[in-house]
């Protein structure tokens, strides 16, 4: 059944993806091979049937549009190899001056990009006629669901699933990312601009004490690495272990068991039931753990403890809705194949997928399998603990 569909995807990649069609076809084939191996070997999904689903085929068959998936203007500036080489100095004074110039350039470009993105956001609101991000997110999910159901009525054994048509009036994934990130960054710009104007080249020293002052477009590479490490630690803490197995078991079965009993019981639990739990079925401990990883991933202060259960559920649900919308947009414009390295890692962390020790190709495989399983199985908040 799947062979015909996959060949159809390769055929489309040869006709649409020019230049470099051969490399695209090979990457598509290698990605599919990795997905099949991961699905057959995965303890998380426990089911390889997802690779035959319409959702998986839509991800694989969609033509790749990196410019419609990545949003580099909403991220911090990256120095080129030539700039890094030019800024190398042997003496201390030279290094300090070069470092100061790099930070000034980073902050100037970061502030400029936030203001440009803010203007872009205003234009997008007029173009797509929505009031706020939650309203747009709901529209993407609802319209994506309708097309999903319509496509599932086709017999994929007889006819390959064709990628959904993408009109000029449909929002792209890069536009959606700009809207998401700019909404957080624009609030920080006025205060940061004042700090930068007053302290100028000594601003980096101040940011060492108050790093949250800077918009994401003004973050230094070293600080970004620290943020990634912090997020990664929180994601790892979400996953089942001997320390939290009993908590998962108690919340799913309604009974309290010792850790030893839980370890023997959890292997027999209905995984679909566990992963399909909504935010309204999570315990207080799970709400705090999940919100720490998804809502406050880079915060050193346990902000989740300051919120009520109701507020945490609303925050987590909003985050998961944005992930659902992002999954739909990725499936339209090339899925994980179109993501660059930075966007790929951000997308993995947003879904609670660990990136430690993984290459880009391995992460593309993990992310695609995660998105396909999440949608095909109709999973919810519980799946982030998988």
Protein backbone atom coordinates (compact mmCIF):
# COMPACT_ATOMS: atom_id res chain seq x y z
CA UNK A 1 0.00 0.00 0.00
CA UNK A 2 2.62 2.51 1.05
CA UNK A 3 5.01 1.90 -1.82
CA UNK A 4 2.81 3.65 -4.36
CA UNK A 5 2.30 6.65 -2.12
CA UNK A 6 5.96 7.03 -1.32
CA UNK A 7 6.91 6.82 -5.00
CA UNK A 8 4.34 9.53 -5.63
CA UNK A 9 6.12 11.70 -3.05
CA UNK A 10 9.47 11.13 -4.76
CA UNK A 11 7.93 11.96 -8.13
CA UNK A 12 6.62 15.26 -6.78
CA UNK A 13 10.01 16.09 -5.28
CA UNK A 14 11.61 15.61 -8.70
CA UNK A 15 9.17 17.90 -10.46
CA UNK A 16 8.85 20.61 -7.83
CA UNK A 17 12.21 20.77 -6.08
CA UNK A 18 14.58 22.33 -8.59
CA UNK A 19 17.48 22.74 -8.52
CA UNK A 20 18.98 19.91 -6.48
CA UNK A 21 16.17 17.44 -7.24
CA UNK A 22 18.38 14.38 -6.86
CA UNK A 23 19.57 15.40 -3.39
CA UNK A 24 15.98 16.14 -2.37
CA UNK A 25 14.77 12.74 -3.56
CA UNK A 26 17.62 10.98 -1.73
CA UNK A 27 16.94 12.91 1.47
CA UNK A 28 13.25 12.05 1.21
CA UNK A 29 14.03 8.35 0.73
CA UNK A 30 16.56 8.32 3.59
CA UNK A 31 14.10 10.09 5.87
CA UNK A 32 11.40 7.54 5.09
CA UNK A 33 13.81 4.66 5.74
CA UNK A 34 14.76 6.18 9.11
CA UNK A 35 11.11 6.70 10.03
CA UNK A 36 10.20 3.08 9.25
CA UNK A 37 13.10 1.83 11.39
CA UNK A 38 12.22 4.19 14.24
CA UNK A 39 8.53 3.31 14.12
CA UNK A 40 9.22 -0.41 14.21
CA UNK A 41 11.70 -0.04 17.06
CA UNK A 42 10.02 2.73 19.07
CA UNK A 43 8.87 1.94 22.60
CA UNK A 44 6.95 5.21 22.68
CA UNK A 45 4.59 4.65 19.79
CA UNK A 46 4.35 0.89 20.26
CA UNK A 47 2.79 0.83 16.82
CA UNK A 48 4.35 1.15 13.36
CA UNK A 49 0.98 1.76 11.68
CA UNK A 50 1.48 5.53 11.73
CA UNK A 51 3.71 5.35 8.63
CA UNK A 52 0.67 4.18 6.67
CA UNK A 53 -1.56 6.99 7.89
CA UNK A 54 -2.79 9.86 5.76
CA UNK A 55 -1.08 12.34 8.09
CA UNK A 56 2.35 10.76 7.60
CA UNK A 57 1.88 10.68 3.84
CA UNK A 58 0.90 14.34 3.84
CA UNK A 59 4.14 15.21 5.67
CA UNK A 60 6.28 13.12 3.33
CA UNK A 61 4.58 14.15 0.08
CA UNK A 62 4.33 17.88 0.67
CA UNK A 63 6.73 19.93 -1.49
CA UNK A 64 9.56 21.48 0.50
CA UNK A 65 9.52 25.28 0.93
CA UNK A 66 12.25 26.29 3.41
CA UNK A 67 11.45 29.99 3.00
CA UNK A 68 7.86 29.30 4.11
CA UNK A 69 8.96 27.21 7.10
CA UNK A 70 11.96 28.99 8.63
CA UNK A 71 11.89 32.48 10.16
CA UNK A 72 15.55 33.54 10.65
CA UNK A 73 14.54 37.19 11.04
CA UNK A 74 12.79 36.29 14.30
CA UNK A 75 15.95 34.71 15.76
CA UNK A 76 19.28 36.11 16.92
CA UNK A 77 21.88 37.06 14.33
CA UNK A 78 24.51 34.41 13.52
CA UNK A 79 28.03 35.50 12.61
CA UNK A 80 29.53 34.19 9.40
CA UNK A 81 32.80 32.23 9.38
CA UNK A 82 34.55 35.25 7.83
CA UNK A 83 33.31 37.57 10.60
CA UNK A 84 34.43 35.16 13.32
CA UNK A 85 37.89 34.89 11.74
CA UNK A 86 38.16 38.69 11.38
CA UNK A 87 37.34 39.21 15.06
CA UNK A 88 40.11 36.95 16.35
CA UNK A 89 42.80 38.83 18.30
CA UNK A 90 45.85 37.73 20.25
CA UNK A 91 45.92 40.58 22.78
CA UNK A 92 43.37 41.08 25.57
CA UNK A 93 42.41 44.64 24.60
CA UNK A 94 41.76 43.59 21.02
CA UNK A 95 39.55 40.74 22.17
CA UNK A 96 37.52 43.02 24.46
CA UNK A 97 37.00 45.63 21.72
CA UNK A 98 36.08 42.99 19.15
CA UNK A 99 33.64 41.40 21.59
CA UNK A 100 32.05 44.78 22.30
CA UNK A 101 31.62 45.48 18.58
CA UNK A 102 30.02 42.07 18.04
CA UNK A 103 27.50 42.68 20.83
CA UNK A 104 26.67 46.17 19.52
CA UNK A 105 26.01 44.70 16.08
CA UNK A 106 23.92 41.90 17.61
CA UNK A 107 21.79 44.30 19.67
CA UNK A 108 21.28 46.77 16.82
CA UNK A 109 20.20 44.07 14.39
CA UNK A 110 18.05 42.42 17.06
CA UNK A 111 16.12 45.58 17.92
CA UNK A 112 15.73 46.45 14.24
CA UNK A 113 14.40 42.99 13.43
CA UNK A 114 11.84 43.11 16.25
CA UNK A 115 10.45 46.40 14.96
CA UNK A 116 10.41 45.09 11.38
CA UNK A 117 8.68 41.92 12.54
CA UNK A 118 6.17 44.01 14.47
CA UNK A 119 5.26 45.85 11.27
CA UNK A 120 5.04 42.49 9.50
CA UNK A 121 2.67 41.22 12.19
CA UNK A 122 0.37 44.19 11.70
CA UNK A 123 0.33 43.54 7.96
CA UNK A 124 -0.38 39.83 8.54
CA UNK A 125 -3.35 40.65 10.78
CA UNK A 126 -4.84 42.77 8.02
CA UNK A 127 -4.05 40.20 5.33
CA UNK A 128 -5.49 37.16 7.13
CA UNK A 129 -8.14 39.11 9.09
CA UNK A 130 -7.60 37.83 12.65
CA UNK A 131 -7.53 39.72 15.96
CA UNK A 132 -4.97 37.77 17.95
CA UNK A 133 -2.78 34.67 17.89
CA UNK A 134 -5.25 32.34 19.71
CA UNK A 135 -7.91 33.17 17.11
CA UNK A 136 -5.50 32.42 14.26
CA UNK A 137 -4.36 29.21 15.96
CA UNK A 138 -7.96 28.02 16.29
CA UNK A 139 -8.59 28.76 12.62
CA UNK A 140 -5.54 26.77 11.49
CA UNK A 141 -6.53 23.79 13.65
CA UNK A 142 -10.18 23.86 12.54
CA UNK A 143 -9.44 24.26 8.83
CA UNK A 144 -6.67 21.65 8.99
CA UNK A 145 -9.03 19.21 10.69
CA UNK A 146 -11.68 19.68 8.01
CA UNK A 147 -9.19 18.95 5.22
CA UNK A 148 -7.85 15.99 7.22
CA UNK A 149 -11.29 14.38 7.45
CA UNK A 150 -11.99 15.04 3.78
CA UNK A 151 -8.74 13.43 2.71
CA UNK A 152 -9.27 10.40 4.95
CA UNK A 153 -12.42 9.52 3.02
CA UNK A 154 -10.23 8.62 0.03
CA UNK A 155 -9.04 5.06 -0.39
CA UNK A 156 -5.28 5.39 -0.10
CA UNK A 157 -4.81 1.79 -1.18
CA UNK A 158 -6.15 2.73 -4.63
CA UNK A 159 -5.00 6.33 -4.97
CA UNK A 160 -2.00 8.11 -3.43
CA UNK A 161 -2.82 11.00 -1.13
CA UNK A 162 -2.03 14.26 -2.90
CA UNK A 163 -0.58 17.16 -0.93
CA UNK A 164 -3.12 19.78 0.09
CA UNK A 165 -3.17 22.76 -2.24
CA UNK A 166 -1.59 25.85 -0.72
CA UNK A 167 -3.08 29.13 -1.86
CA UNK A 168 -1.47 32.55 -1.55
CA UNK A 169 -4.04 33.46 1.10
CA UNK A 170 -2.99 30.65 3.44
CA UNK A 171 -0.60 31.63 6.22
CA UNK A 172 2.84 30.05 6.08
CA UNK A 173 4.73 28.47 8.95
CA UNK A 174 7.41 31.20 8.86
CA UNK A 175 4.71 33.87 9.24
CA UNK A 176 3.17 31.97 12.13
CA UNK A 177 6.56 31.77 13.88
CA UNK A 178 7.11 35.52 13.42
CA UNK A 179 3.72 36.20 15.02
CA UNK A 180 4.53 33.91 17.96
CA UNK A 181 8.01 35.20 18.69
CA UNK A 182 7.38 38.89 18.05
CA UNK A 183 4.47 38.91 20.50
CA UNK A 184 6.96 38.00 23.25
CA UNK A 185 9.83 40.18 22.02
CA UNK A 186 8.04 43.47 21.34
CA UNK A 187 7.21 43.91 25.04
CA UNK A 188 10.92 43.84 25.92
CA UNK A 189 12.18 46.27 23.30
CA UNK A 190 11.39 49.67 24.93
CA UNK A 191 13.21 48.90 28.19
CA UNK A 192 16.06 47.09 26.43
CA UNK A 193 16.52 50.01 24.00
CA UNK A 194 16.87 52.40 26.95
CA UNK A 195 19.39 50.11 28.67
CA UNK A 196 21.38 49.75 25.44
CA UNK A 197 21.41 53.53 24.85
CA UNK A 198 22.66 54.22 28.39
CA UNK A 199 25.19 51.41 28.83
CA UNK A 200 26.05 50.73 25.16
CA UNK A 201 29.12 48.44 24.98
CA UNK A 202 28.83 47.50 28.67
CA UNK A 203 25.28 46.20 28.12
CA UNK A 204 26.51 42.56 27.96
CA UNK A 205 27.80 42.90 31.54
CA UNK A 206 24.38 44.09 32.71
CA UNK A 207 22.67 41.27 30.85
CA UNK A 208 24.78 38.76 32.74
CA UNK A 209 22.82 39.84 35.82
CA UNK A 210 19.46 40.38 34.10
CA UNK A 211 19.41 38.17 30.97
CA UNK A 212 15.62 38.30 30.57
CA UNK A 213 15.81 41.99 29.64
CA UNK A 214 16.87 41.13 26.09
CA UNK A 215 14.50 40.06 23.30
CA UNK A 216 15.26 36.67 21.76
CA UNK A 217 16.76 38.40 18.70
CA UNK A 218 19.42 40.00 20.93
CA UNK A 219 20.62 36.87 22.71
CA UNK A 220 24.29 35.97 22.44
CA UNK A 221 25.35 32.48 21.24
CA UNK A 222 26.71 31.58 24.69
CA UNK A 223 23.47 32.58 26.40
CA UNK A 224 21.41 30.66 23.84
CA UNK A 225 23.48 27.56 24.64
CA UNK A 226 22.68 27.98 28.33
CA UNK A 227 18.99 28.35 27.52
CA UNK A 228 19.08 25.19 25.41
CA UNK A 229 20.77 23.27 28.24
CA UNK A 230 18.18 24.52 30.73
CA UNK A 231 15.29 23.50 28.47
CA UNK A 232 16.86 20.13 27.75
CA UNK A 233 17.17 19.35 31.46
CA UNK A 234 13.48 20.13 32.00
CA UNK A 235 12.46 17.96 29.05
CA UNK A 236 14.51 15.02 30.31
CA UNK A 237 12.82 15.34 33.70
CA UNK A 238 9.44 14.86 31.99
CA UNK A 239 10.24 11.37 30.76
CA UNK A 240 9.33 8.21 32.71
CA UNK A 241 11.88 7.00 35.25
CA UNK A 242 11.94 5.04 38.46
CA UNK A 243 11.33 8.26 40.35
CA UNK A 244 8.14 9.27 38.60
CA UNK A 245 6.72 6.00 37.29
CA UNK A 246 4.42 5.61 40.27
CA UNK A 247 3.06 9.13 39.72
CA UNK A 248 2.11 8.33 36.14
CA UNK A 249 0.56 5.04 37.18
CA UNK A 250 -1.43 6.59 40.00
CA UNK A 251 -2.83 9.30 37.76
CA UNK A 252 -3.80 6.88 35.00
CA UNK A 253 -5.26 4.04 37.02
CA UNK A 254 -6.60 5.97 40.00
CA UNK A 255 -4.68 3.76 42.46
CA UNK A 256 -1.47 4.34 44.37
CA UNK A 257 1.29 1.76 43.99
CA UNK A 258 4.85 1.42 45.18
CA UNK A 259 7.62 2.13 42.67
CA UNK A 260 8.42 -1.56 42.25
CA UNK A 261 4.77 -2.44 41.61
CA UNK A 262 4.37 0.51 39.28
CA UNK A 263 7.30 -0.58 37.13
CA UNK A 264 5.68 -3.95 36.55
CA UNK A 265 2.24 -2.44 36.01
CA UNK A 266 3.09 0.41 33.67
CA UNK A 267 4.22 -1.95 30.93
CA UNK A 268 0.68 -3.34 30.81
CA UNK A 269 -1.11 -0.02 30.83
CA UNK A 270 -3.11 1.15 27.84
CA UNK A 271 -0.63 3.57 26.28
CA UNK A 272 -3.31 5.21 24.17
CA UNK A 273 -5.29 6.02 27.31
CA UNK A 274 -2.22 7.40 29.06
CA UNK A 275 -1.08 9.56 26.14
CA UNK A 276 -4.60 10.77 25.32
CA UNK A 277 -5.06 12.45 28.69
CA UNK A 278 -5.96 16.12 28.40
CA UNK A 279 -4.67 18.85 30.69
CA UNK A 280 -7.80 18.37 32.80
CA UNK A 281 -6.70 14.84 33.70
CA UNK A 282 -3.20 15.76 34.89
CA UNK A 283 -2.24 15.89 38.55
CA UNK A 284 -0.80 19.02 40.15
CA UNK A 285 2.71 17.56 39.99
CA UNK A 286 2.31 16.79 36.28
CA UNK A 287 0.91 20.25 35.57
CA UNK A 288 3.92 21.86 37.22
CA UNK A 289 6.37 19.57 35.43
CA UNK A 290 4.78 20.04 32.00
CA UNK A 291 4.35 23.80 32.32
CA UNK A 292 7.97 24.11 33.46
CA UNK A 293 9.13 22.41 30.23
CA UNK A 294 6.64 23.93 27.76
CA UNK A 295 5.53 27.29 29.18
CA UNK A 296 8.55 28.36 31.27
CA UNK A 297 11.37 26.34 29.66
CA UNK A 298 14.18 28.82 30.30
CA UNK A 299 13.10 30.23 33.65
CA UNK A 300 15.41 29.63 36.61
CA UNK A 301 12.60 30.55 38.99
CA UNK A 302 9.84 27.92 39.46
CA UNK A 303 7.11 30.25 38.16
CA UNK A 304 4.69 27.35 37.74
CA UNK A 305 4.34 27.12 41.52
CA UNK A 306 2.85 30.62 41.60
CA UNK A 307 -0.12 29.67 39.39
CA UNK A 308 -3.32 27.84 40.22
CA UNK A 309 -4.23 24.54 38.58
CA UNK A 310 -6.78 26.31 36.38
CA UNK A 311 -4.28 28.85 35.10
CA UNK A 312 -1.63 26.21 34.42
CA UNK A 313 -4.15 24.17 32.43
CA UNK A 314 -5.03 27.20 30.32
CA UNK A 315 -1.36 28.02 29.67
CA UNK A 316 -0.47 24.43 28.73
CA UNK A 317 -3.55 24.01 26.54
CA UNK A 318 -2.71 27.22 24.65
CA UNK A 319 0.83 25.93 24.10
CA UNK A 320 -0.39 22.55 22.84
CA UNK A 321 -2.86 24.25 20.50
CA UNK A 322 0.02 26.23 18.99
CA UNK A 323 1.93 22.97 18.52
CA UNK A 324 -1.06 21.40 16.75
CA UNK A 325 -1.27 24.40 14.41
CA UNK A 326 2.48 24.26 13.80
CA UNK A 327 2.22 20.56 12.91
CA UNK A 328 -0.42 21.35 10.30
CA UNK A 329 1.65 24.15 8.75
CA UNK A 330 4.77 21.98 8.67
CA UNK A 331 2.83 19.25 6.86
CA UNK A 332 1.99 21.73 4.09
CA UNK A 333 5.44 23.10 3.34
CA UNK A 334 7.88 20.18 3.47
CA UNK A 335 7.67 19.01 7.06
CA UNK A 336 10.97 18.38 8.88
CA UNK A 337 12.93 18.28 5.59
CA UNK A 338 12.47 22.04 5.20
CA UNK A 339 13.58 23.00 8.72
CA UNK A 340 17.05 24.46 9.16
CA UNK A 341 19.19 23.35 12.11
CA UNK A 342 18.10 26.07 14.54
CA UNK A 343 14.40 25.79 13.73
CA UNK A 344 14.64 22.01 13.95
CA UNK A 345 15.97 22.13 17.50
CA UNK A 346 13.44 24.74 18.57
CA UNK A 347 10.62 22.62 17.13
CA UNK A 348 11.87 19.55 18.99
CA UNK A 349 12.07 21.39 22.31
CA UNK A 350 8.62 22.89 21.82
CA UNK A 351 7.26 19.32 21.67
CA UNK A 352 9.30 17.97 24.55
CA UNK A 353 11.65 16.02 22.27
CA UNK A 354 15.21 15.70 23.60
CA UNK A 355 18.00 16.80 21.25
CA UNK A 356 21.02 15.64 23.27
CA UNK A 357 23.54 13.66 21.24
CA UNK A 358 21.38 13.66 18.08
CA UNK A 359 22.35 14.72 14.56
CA UNK A 360 20.01 16.83 12.44
CA UNK A 361 18.91 13.79 10.44
CA UNK A 362 18.12 11.87 13.62
CA UNK A 363 16.13 14.81 14.96
CA UNK A 364 14.17 15.09 11.70
CA UNK A 365 13.24 11.44 12.09
CA UNK A 366 12.23 11.80 15.75
CA UNK A 367 10.24 14.97 15.13
CA UNK A 368 8.34 13.60 12.14
CA UNK A 369 7.49 10.40 14.00
CA UNK A 370 6.36 12.44 17.02
CA UNK A 371 4.11 14.73 14.95
CA UNK A 372 2.61 11.85 12.98
CA UNK A 373 1.89 9.77 16.07
CA UNK A 374 0.49 12.74 18.02
CA UNK A 375 -2.01 13.57 15.27
CA UNK A 376 -2.84 10.07 14.02
CA UNK A 377 -3.49 8.69 17.51
CA UNK A 378 -5.28 11.86 18.61
CA UNK A 379 -2.97 12.18 21.61
CA UNK A 380 -3.00 15.11 24.02
CA UNK A 381 -1.04 16.47 26.99
CA UNK A 382 -0.21 12.98 28.27
CA UNK A 383 1.96 12.29 25.24
CA UNK A 384 4.55 14.86 26.35
CA UNK A 385 5.49 12.47 29.16
CA UNK A 386 6.22 9.64 26.69
